[in-house]
C-alpha atoms as a PDB file:
ATOM      1  CA  MET A   1      84.446 -12.139  16.762  1.00  0.00           C
ATOM      2  CA  THR A   2      87.256 -10.291  16.362  1.00  0.00           C
ATOM      3  CA  GLU A   3      87.803  -6.358  17.532  1.00  0.00           C
ATOM      4  CA  GLU A   4      87.704  -6.186  13.800  1.00  0.00           C
ATOM      5  CA  ASN A   5      84.506  -7.498  13.289  1.00  0.00           C
ATOM      6  CA  TRP A   6      83.186  -6.198  16.204  1.00  0.00           C
ATOM      7  CA  LEU A   7      83.996  -2.491  15.301  1.00  0.00           C
ATOM      8  CA  GLN A   8      82.711  -2.616  11.595  1.00  0.00           C
ATOM      9  CA  GLN A   9      79.374  -3.867  12.879  1.00  0.00           C
ATOM     10  CA  GLN A  10      78.958  -0.982  15.562  1.00  0.00           C
ATOM     11  CA  ILE A  11      79.943   1.226  12.437  1.00  0.00           C
ATOM     12  CA  GLN A  12      77.162   0.024  10.207  1.00  0.00           C
ATOM     13  CA  GLN A  13      74.814   0.138  12.570  1.00  0.00           C
ATOM     14  CA  LEU A  14      75.879   3.903  13.444  1.00  0.00           C
ATOM     15  CA  GLN A  15      75.611   4.458   9.524  1.00  0.00           C
ATOM     16  CA  SER A  16      72.241   2.716   9.262  1.00  0.00           C
ATOM     17  CA  GLN A  17      71.011   4.885  12.139  1.00  0.00           C
ATOM     18  CA  ALA A  18      72.277   7.994  10.609  1.00  0.00           C
ATOM     19  CA  THR A  19      69.932  10.299   9.836  1.00  0.00           C
ATOM     20  CA  THR A  20      71.506  13.025   7.203  1.00  0.00           C
ATOM     21  CA  TYR A  21      74.142  11.947   4.006  1.00  0.00           C
ATOM     22  CA  GLU A  22      77.168  13.894   6.016  1.00  0.00           C
ATOM     23  CA  ASP A  23      76.885  11.141   8.588  1.00  0.00           C
ATOM     24  CA  GLN A  24      76.341   8.110   6.758  1.00  0.00           C
ATOM     25  CA  ALA A  25      79.181   9.726   4.266  1.00  0.00           C
ATOM     26  CA  PHE A  26      81.365   9.471   7.515  1.00  0.00           C
ATOM     27  CA  TYR A  27      80.335   6.197   9.291  1.00  0.00           C
ATOM     28  CA  GLN A  28      81.656   4.555   5.468  1.00  0.00           C
ATOM     29  CA  ALA A  29      84.391   6.550   5.625  1.00  0.00           C
ATOM     30  CA  LEU A  30      85.437   5.342   9.100  1.00  0.00           C
ATOM     31  CA  GLY A  31      84.363   1.967   8.003  1.00  0.00           C
ATOM     32  CA  GLN A  32      87.245   1.877   5.072  1.00  0.00           C
ATOM     33  CA  VAL A  33      89.768   3.567   7.392  1.00  0.00           C
ATOM     34  CA  SER A  34      89.285   1.043  10.008  1.00  0.00           C
ATOM     35  CA  HIS A  35      89.815  -1.859   7.658  1.00  0.00           C
ATOM     36  CA  GLU A  36      92.678  -0.441   6.524  1.00  0.00           C
ATOM     37  CA  LEU A  37      94.136   0.032   9.763  1.00  0.00           C
ATOM     38  CA  ALA A  38      93.181  -3.533  10.459  1.00  0.00           C
ATOM     39  CA  GLN A  39      95.331  -4.521   7.380  1.00  0.00           C
ATOM     40  CA  ARG A  40      98.303  -2.851   8.460  1.00  0.00           C
ATOM     41  CA  ILE A  41      98.379  -4.111  11.382  1.00  0.00           C
ATOM     42  CA  GLU A  42      98.095  -7.658  10.678  1.00  0.00           C
ATOM     43  CA  GLN A  43     100.983  -7.036   8.027  1.00  0.00           C
ATOM     44  CA  ARG A  44     103.184  -5.093  10.889  1.00  0.00           C
ATOM     45  CA  GLN A  45     102.615  -8.317  12.551  1.00  0.00           C
ATOM     46  CA  GLY A  46     103.499 -11.027  10.336  1.00  0.00           C
ATOM     47  CA  GLU A  47     106.731  -8.564   9.560  1.00  0.00           C
ATOM     48  CA  LEU A  48     107.574  -8.331  12.691  1.00  0.00           C
ATOM     49  CA  ASP A  49     107.427 -12.477  13.065  1.00  0.00           C
ATOM     50  CA  GLY A  50     109.024 -12.665   9.820  1.00  0.00           C
ATOM     51  CA  ARG A  51     112.107 -10.806  11.177  1.00  0.00           C
ATOM     52  CA  ILE A  52     112.430 -12.329  14.793  1.00  0.00           C
ATOM     53  CA  TRP A  53     112.355 -15.446  13.725  1.00  0.00           C
ATOM     54  CA  ASN A  54     114.996 -14.992  11.130  1.00  0.00           C
ATOM     55  CA  ALA A  55     117.760 -17.573  12.220  1.00  0.00           C
ATOM     56  CA  THR A  56     120.766 -15.271   9.658  1.00  0.00           C
ATOM     57  CA  LYS A  57     120.136 -12.351  11.960  1.00  0.00           C
ATOM     58  CA  TRP A  58     120.505 -14.230  15.173  1.00  0.00           C
END
């Protein structure tokens, strides 16, 4: 299980336990932000790998 999956599960659990609409909306938005950040991290890692292995810049 990746850290992202674990975090998403925790957020979903907190959202299901939330009693107010505001709390549920907060956890839903938190899940979306977490997912977007994970995507950005993955993209940056790919970009870094590409720059490191670019033989034309050696």
